[in-house]
N, C-alpha and C. Protein backbone atom coordinates (compact mmCIF):
# COMPACT_ATOMS: atom_id res chain seq x y z
N MET A 1 2.82 9.58 -5.65
CA MET A 1 3.31 8.84 -6.79
C MET A 1 4.50 8.01 -6.35
N ILE A 2 4.53 6.79 -6.80
CA ILE A 2 5.70 5.95 -6.60
C ILE A 2 6.08 5.32 -7.93
N ARG A 3 7.37 5.08 -8.09
CA ARG A 3 7.88 4.50 -9.33
C ARG A 3 8.01 2.99 -9.16
N VAL A 4 7.59 2.26 -10.18
CA VAL A 4 7.60 0.80 -10.12
C VAL A 4 8.37 0.25 -11.32
N ARG A 5 8.94 -0.93 -11.15
CA ARG A 5 9.70 -1.55 -12.25
C ARG A 5 8.87 -2.51 -13.08
N ASP A 6 7.89 -3.16 -12.48
CA ASP A 6 7.05 -4.13 -13.19
C ASP A 6 5.60 -3.72 -12.95
N LEU A 7 5.03 -3.00 -13.90
CA LEU A 7 3.69 -2.43 -13.70
C LEU A 7 2.64 -3.52 -13.48
N ASP A 8 2.66 -4.58 -14.26
CA ASP A 8 1.65 -5.63 -14.11
C ASP A 8 1.72 -6.26 -12.72
N LYS A 9 2.92 -6.55 -12.24
CA LYS A 9 3.09 -7.13 -10.91
C LYS A 9 2.59 -6.17 -9.84
N SER A 10 2.91 -4.89 -9.99
CA SER A 10 2.46 -3.90 -9.01
C SER A 10 0.95 -3.74 -9.04
N LEU A 11 0.35 -3.72 -10.22
CA LEU A 11 -1.11 -3.61 -10.32
C LEU A 11 -1.80 -4.79 -9.65
N ARG A 12 -1.28 -6.00 -9.84
CA ARG A 12 -1.86 -7.17 -9.18
C ARG A 12 -1.76 -7.03 -7.66
N PHE A 13 -0.57 -6.60 -7.17
CA PHE A 13 -0.38 -6.44 -5.73
C PHE A 13 -1.38 -5.44 -5.16
N TYR A 14 -1.47 -4.26 -5.74
CA TYR A 14 -2.35 -3.22 -5.19
C TYR A 14 -3.82 -3.59 -5.31
N GLN A 15 -4.19 -4.35 -6.33
CA GLN A 15 -5.56 -4.82 -6.43
C GLN A 15 -5.85 -5.86 -5.37
N ASP A 16 -4.98 -6.85 -5.24
CA ASP A 16 -5.21 -7.93 -4.28
C ASP A 16 -5.06 -7.46 -2.84
N ALA A 17 -4.00 -6.70 -2.56
CA ALA A 17 -3.70 -6.31 -1.18
C ALA A 17 -4.58 -5.17 -0.68
N LEU A 18 -4.81 -4.16 -1.51
CA LEU A 18 -5.50 -2.96 -1.04
C LEU A 18 -6.81 -2.67 -1.78
N GLU A 19 -7.20 -3.57 -2.67
CA GLU A 19 -8.42 -3.43 -3.45
C GLU A 19 -8.46 -2.11 -4.22
N LEU A 20 -7.29 -1.69 -4.72
CA LEU A 20 -7.18 -0.50 -5.56
C LEU A 20 -7.19 -0.94 -7.01
N ARG A 21 -7.97 -0.25 -7.82
CA ARG A 21 -8.07 -0.58 -9.24
C ARG A 21 -7.70 0.63 -10.08
N VAL A 22 -7.36 0.38 -11.32
CA VAL A 22 -6.98 1.47 -12.22
C VAL A 22 -8.21 2.31 -12.52
N ALA A 23 -8.15 3.58 -12.14
CA ALA A 23 -9.23 4.53 -12.43
C ALA A 23 -8.94 5.30 -13.71
N HIS A 24 -7.66 5.45 -14.00
CA HIS A 24 -7.24 6.20 -15.19
C HIS A 24 -5.82 5.75 -15.53
N ARG A 25 -5.56 5.63 -16.82
CA ARG A 25 -4.23 5.17 -17.25
C ARG A 25 -3.80 5.97 -18.47
N LEU A 26 -2.56 6.41 -18.45
CA LEU A 26 -1.99 7.15 -19.58
C LEU A 26 -0.76 6.40 -20.05
N ASP A 27 -0.78 5.93 -21.28
CA ASP A 27 0.34 5.19 -21.85
C ASP A 27 1.07 6.07 -22.85
N PHE A 28 2.36 6.21 -22.65
CA PHE A 28 3.23 6.96 -23.54
C PHE A 28 4.34 6.03 -24.01
N PRO A 29 5.08 6.39 -25.05
CA PRO A 29 6.13 5.49 -25.54
C PRO A 29 7.17 5.11 -24.48
N ASP A 30 7.55 6.04 -23.62
CA ASP A 30 8.62 5.78 -22.65
C ASP A 30 8.14 5.47 -21.24
N PHE A 31 6.91 5.81 -20.92
CA PHE A 31 6.42 5.59 -19.57
C PHE A 31 4.90 5.45 -19.56
N THR A 32 4.39 4.90 -18.46
CA THR A 32 2.96 4.76 -18.23
C THR A 32 2.64 5.30 -16.85
N LEU A 33 1.51 5.99 -16.74
CA LEU A 33 0.99 6.45 -15.46
C LEU A 33 -0.32 5.71 -15.20
N ALA A 34 -0.41 5.06 -14.05
CA ALA A 34 -1.64 4.35 -13.68
C ALA A 34 -2.12 4.94 -12.36
N TYR A 35 -3.35 5.42 -12.35
CA TYR A 35 -3.94 6.04 -11.17
C TYR A 35 -4.90 5.05 -10.53
N LEU A 36 -4.64 4.69 -9.28
CA LEU A 36 -5.40 3.65 -8.59
C LEU A 36 -6.29 4.25 -7.52
N ARG A 37 -7.48 3.68 -7.38
CA ARG A 37 -8.39 4.11 -6.32
C ARG A 37 -9.40 3.01 -6.04
N ASN A 38 -10.20 3.23 -5.01
CA ASN A 38 -11.33 2.33 -4.73
C ASN A 38 -12.53 3.17 -4.32
N ASP A 39 -13.64 2.51 -4.02
CA ASP A 39 -14.88 3.22 -3.71
C ASP A 39 -14.89 3.84 -2.32
N GLU A 40 -13.93 3.48 -1.47
CA GLU A 40 -13.92 3.98 -0.10
C GLU A 40 -13.34 5.37 0.04
N SER A 41 -12.61 5.84 -0.97
CA SER A 41 -11.93 7.12 -0.84
C SER A 41 -11.77 7.78 -2.20
N ALA A 42 -11.70 9.09 -2.19
CA ALA A 42 -11.43 9.82 -3.43
C ALA A 42 -9.93 9.96 -3.66
N SER A 43 -9.12 9.47 -2.74
CA SER A 43 -7.66 9.54 -2.89
C SER A 43 -7.20 8.59 -3.98
N GLU A 44 -6.09 8.96 -4.61
CA GLU A 44 -5.50 8.12 -5.64
C GLU A 44 -4.03 7.87 -5.33
N LEU A 45 -3.57 6.73 -5.76
CA LEU A 45 -2.16 6.40 -5.74
C LEU A 45 -1.71 6.30 -7.19
N GLU A 46 -0.71 7.07 -7.55
CA GLU A 46 -0.20 7.06 -8.92
C GLU A 46 1.03 6.16 -8.99
N LEU A 47 1.00 5.19 -9.89
CA LEU A 47 2.16 4.36 -10.18
C LEU A 47 2.76 4.86 -11.48
N THR A 48 4.06 5.10 -11.47
CA THR A 48 4.77 5.52 -12.68
C THR A 48 5.71 4.41 -13.08
N TRP A 49 5.57 3.95 -14.32
CA TRP A 49 6.43 2.91 -14.86
C TRP A 49 7.26 3.51 -15.98
N ASN A 50 8.54 3.68 -15.72
CA ASN A 50 9.49 4.11 -16.74
C ASN A 50 9.97 2.85 -17.45
N LYS A 51 9.55 2.65 -18.68
CA LYS A 51 9.68 1.38 -19.37
C LYS A 51 11.12 0.91 -19.57
N ALA A 52 12.06 1.81 -19.68
CA ALA A 52 13.45 1.41 -19.91
C ALA A 52 14.20 1.11 -18.62
N ARG A 53 13.61 1.38 -17.49
CA ARG A 53 14.29 1.20 -16.20
C ARG A 53 14.50 -0.28 -15.91
N THR A 54 15.73 -0.67 -15.60
CA THR A 54 16.00 -2.06 -15.26
C THR A 54 16.48 -2.22 -13.82
N GLU A 55 17.14 -1.22 -13.26
CA GLU A 55 17.64 -1.36 -11.90
C GLU A 55 16.59 -0.87 -10.89
N PRO A 56 16.64 -1.41 -9.68
CA PRO A 56 15.66 -0.99 -8.65
C PRO A 56 15.82 0.49 -8.31
N TYR A 57 14.73 1.09 -7.91
CA TYR A 57 14.76 2.47 -7.41
C TYR A 57 15.25 2.47 -5.97
N THR A 58 15.90 3.54 -5.58
CA THR A 58 16.23 3.72 -4.17
C THR A 58 15.11 4.52 -3.53
N HIS A 59 14.83 4.24 -2.29
CA HIS A 59 13.75 4.94 -1.60
C HIS A 59 14.26 6.17 -0.88
N GLY A 60 15.56 6.32 -0.80
CA GLY A 60 16.12 7.52 -0.19
C GLY A 60 15.77 7.65 1.28
N ASP A 61 16.05 8.81 1.83
CA ASP A 61 15.75 9.02 3.25
C ASP A 61 14.54 9.94 3.43
N GLY A 62 13.85 10.27 2.36
CA GLY A 62 12.68 11.13 2.46
C GLY A 62 11.37 10.37 2.44
N TYR A 63 11.37 9.16 1.88
CA TYR A 63 10.14 8.38 1.79
C TYR A 63 9.92 7.66 3.11
N GLY A 64 8.73 7.78 3.65
CA GLY A 64 8.36 7.05 4.85
C GLY A 64 7.52 5.85 4.49
N HIS A 65 6.22 6.08 4.30
CA HIS A 65 5.34 5.01 3.87
C HIS A 65 3.98 5.59 3.49
N VAL A 66 3.21 4.78 2.79
CA VAL A 66 1.82 5.06 2.47
C VAL A 66 1.00 4.34 3.53
N ALA A 67 -0.12 4.94 3.95
CA ALA A 67 -0.99 4.29 4.93
C ALA A 67 -2.40 4.19 4.39
N VAL A 68 -3.05 3.08 4.68
CA VAL A 68 -4.45 2.88 4.36
C VAL A 68 -5.16 2.43 5.64
N SER A 69 -6.46 2.67 5.72
CA SER A 69 -7.20 2.24 6.90
C SER A 69 -8.18 1.13 6.54
N VAL A 70 -8.39 0.24 7.51
CA VAL A 70 -9.30 -0.89 7.34
C VAL A 70 -10.14 -1.03 8.61
N ALA A 71 -11.24 -1.74 8.50
CA ALA A 71 -12.12 -1.93 9.65
C ALA A 71 -11.48 -2.81 10.73
N ASP A 72 -10.76 -3.85 10.32
CA ASP A 72 -10.20 -4.83 11.25
C ASP A 72 -8.81 -5.23 10.77
N ALA A 73 -7.77 -4.74 11.44
CA ALA A 73 -6.39 -5.00 10.99
C ALA A 73 -6.04 -6.48 11.06
N LYS A 74 -6.46 -7.17 12.10
CA LYS A 74 -6.13 -8.60 12.21
C LYS A 74 -6.77 -9.39 11.08
N ALA A 75 -8.05 -9.13 10.81
CA ALA A 75 -8.73 -9.85 9.73
C ALA A 75 -8.09 -9.54 8.38
N GLU A 76 -7.69 -8.29 8.18
CA GLU A 76 -7.05 -7.92 6.92
C GLU A 76 -5.70 -8.60 6.77
N ARG A 77 -4.94 -8.66 7.85
CA ARG A 77 -3.64 -9.35 7.82
C ARG A 77 -3.84 -10.83 7.50
N ASP A 78 -4.83 -11.45 8.13
CA ASP A 78 -5.13 -12.86 7.86
C ASP A 78 -5.52 -13.07 6.40
N ARG A 79 -6.29 -12.14 5.83
CA ARG A 79 -6.70 -12.24 4.43
C ARG A 79 -5.48 -12.20 3.51
N LEU A 80 -4.54 -11.30 3.81
CA LEU A 80 -3.34 -11.18 2.99
C LEU A 80 -2.47 -12.44 3.09
N ILE A 81 -2.37 -12.99 4.27
CA ILE A 81 -1.63 -14.24 4.44
C ILE A 81 -2.29 -15.34 3.61
N GLY A 82 -3.62 -15.37 3.60
CA GLY A 82 -4.37 -16.34 2.80
C GLY A 82 -4.12 -16.20 1.31
N LEU A 83 -3.73 -14.99 0.87
CA LEU A 83 -3.40 -14.76 -0.54
C LEU A 83 -1.93 -15.10 -0.84
N GLY A 84 -1.21 -15.59 0.18
CA GLY A 84 0.19 -15.94 -0.01
C GLY A 84 1.14 -14.76 0.16
N MET A 85 0.64 -13.66 0.69
CA MET A 85 1.49 -12.49 0.93
C MET A 85 2.14 -12.60 2.30
N GLU A 86 3.09 -11.73 2.58
CA GLU A 86 3.85 -11.81 3.83
C GLU A 86 3.80 -10.49 4.61
N PRO A 87 2.64 -10.16 5.18
CA PRO A 87 2.59 -8.95 6.00
C PRO A 87 3.44 -9.13 7.25
N LEU A 88 3.96 -8.03 7.76
CA LEU A 88 4.73 -8.07 8.99
C LEU A 88 3.79 -8.24 10.18
N ASP A 89 4.35 -8.34 11.37
CA ASP A 89 3.55 -8.62 12.57
C ASP A 89 2.54 -7.52 12.87
N LEU A 90 1.43 -7.92 13.45
CA LEU A 90 0.42 -6.99 13.93
C LEU A 90 0.95 -6.30 15.18
N LYS A 91 0.83 -4.98 15.25
CA LYS A 91 1.35 -4.20 16.38
C LYS A 91 0.22 -3.39 16.99
N GLU A 92 0.39 -3.04 18.26
CA GLU A 92 -0.55 -2.16 18.94
C GLU A 92 0.21 -1.10 19.72
N PHE A 93 -0.31 0.12 19.70
CA PHE A 93 0.16 1.19 20.57
C PHE A 93 -0.93 1.42 21.60
N LYS A 94 -0.53 1.49 22.86
CA LYS A 94 -1.48 1.79 23.93
C LYS A 94 -0.98 2.97 24.73
N GLY A 95 -1.92 3.73 25.27
CA GLY A 95 -1.57 4.87 26.10
C GLY A 95 -1.16 4.43 27.49
N ASP A 96 -0.75 5.38 28.31
CA ASP A 96 -0.36 5.09 29.70
C ASP A 96 -1.51 4.46 30.48
N ASP A 97 -2.73 4.75 30.07
CA ASP A 97 -3.91 4.20 30.75
C ASP A 97 -4.30 2.82 30.23
N GLY A 98 -3.52 2.27 29.28
CA GLY A 98 -3.80 0.95 28.73
C GLY A 98 -4.79 0.94 27.60
N GLN A 99 -5.34 2.10 27.25
CA GLN A 99 -6.31 2.18 26.17
C GLN A 99 -5.62 2.09 24.81
N LEU A 100 -6.25 1.39 23.89
CA LEU A 100 -5.72 1.22 22.55
C LEU A 100 -5.66 2.57 21.82
N ILE A 101 -4.51 2.88 21.28
CA ILE A 101 -4.34 4.07 20.44
C ILE A 101 -4.37 3.67 18.98
N ALA A 102 -3.64 2.61 18.64
CA ALA A 102 -3.57 2.19 17.23
C ALA A 102 -3.25 0.70 17.14
N ARG A 103 -3.81 0.05 16.12
CA ARG A 103 -3.51 -1.34 15.78
C ARG A 103 -3.18 -1.35 14.29
N PHE A 104 -2.03 -1.94 13.93
CA PHE A 104 -1.58 -1.83 12.54
C PHE A 104 -0.55 -2.90 12.22
N PHE A 105 -0.25 -3.01 10.93
CA PHE A 105 0.86 -3.82 10.45
C PHE A 105 1.36 -3.20 9.17
N PHE A 106 2.52 -3.63 8.74
CA PHE A 106 3.09 -3.17 7.47
C PHE A 106 3.18 -4.33 6.50
N ILE A 107 3.14 -3.99 5.23
CA ILE A 107 3.40 -4.95 4.15
C ILE A 107 4.24 -4.21 3.11
N LEU A 108 5.10 -4.93 2.43
CA LEU A 108 5.93 -4.33 1.39
C LEU A 108 5.34 -4.65 0.02
N ASP A 109 5.33 -3.65 -0.87
CA ASP A 109 4.87 -3.90 -2.23
C ASP A 109 6.01 -4.53 -3.03
N PRO A 110 5.79 -4.90 -4.30
CA PRO A 110 6.84 -5.58 -5.08
C PRO A 110 8.13 -4.79 -5.24
N ASP A 111 8.08 -3.46 -5.08
CA ASP A 111 9.30 -2.65 -5.18
C ASP A 111 9.87 -2.30 -3.82
N GLY A 112 9.34 -2.87 -2.76
CA GLY A 112 9.87 -2.66 -1.42
C GLY A 112 9.32 -1.44 -0.70
N TYR A 113 8.29 -0.79 -1.26
CA TYR A 113 7.67 0.34 -0.57
C TYR A 113 6.86 -0.16 0.61
N LYS A 114 7.01 0.51 1.75
CA LYS A 114 6.28 0.13 2.94
C LYS A 114 4.86 0.71 2.89
N ILE A 115 3.89 -0.14 3.23
CA ILE A 115 2.50 0.27 3.32
C ILE A 115 2.00 -0.09 4.71
N GLU A 116 1.50 0.91 5.42
CA GLU A 116 0.93 0.68 6.74
C GLU A 116 -0.56 0.40 6.57
N VAL A 117 -1.02 -0.68 7.17
CA VAL A 117 -2.43 -1.02 7.17
C VAL A 117 -2.90 -0.79 8.60
N LEU A 118 -3.72 0.23 8.78
CA LEU A 118 -4.07 0.78 10.08
C LEU A 118 -5.56 0.58 10.35
N GLU A 119 -5.87 0.04 11.52
CA GLU A 119 -7.27 -0.17 11.88
C GLU A 119 -7.95 1.16 12.18
N ARG A 120 -9.17 1.31 11.67
CA ARG A 120 -9.94 2.53 11.95
C ARG A 120 -10.34 2.52 13.43
N HIS A 121 -9.74 3.45 14.18
CA HIS A 121 -9.99 3.52 15.61
C HIS A 121 -9.49 4.87 16.11
N GLY A 122 -10.25 5.49 16.99
CA GLY A 122 -9.81 6.74 17.60
C GLY A 122 -9.48 7.79 16.56
N HIS A 123 -8.28 8.33 16.64
CA HIS A 123 -7.83 9.36 15.70
C HIS A 123 -7.87 8.87 14.26
N TYR A 124 -7.72 7.58 14.05
CA TYR A 124 -7.63 7.00 12.71
C TYR A 124 -8.99 6.53 12.18
N GLU A 125 -10.05 6.97 12.82
CA GLU A 125 -11.41 6.56 12.45
C GLU A 125 -11.67 6.94 11.05
């Protein structure tokens, strides 16, 4: 679960960037819970919108990032750039033998949460 300040903006981001759609939504007078998922996984990301909140949330020192996997990290990064988004640079980790361990990039959501977009390969298959 992550807390967001502008639910509509966050829903657009997660739909466009990660193809996550609202699977279930609970609206209450003071807050809304939106559960996002797609057909590739049974996992859900819960967005919590506290309606009276005006100041940004702090991410503290306990939050790292959310990670998703894709078939081709470079193609996915190019797609996001085509949507006018600003993903960070594509990175690769290689072992001592020069073999690819991981290919990935990060993108920030509207509230500044880091999302790792990781190519399905090796351990991350």
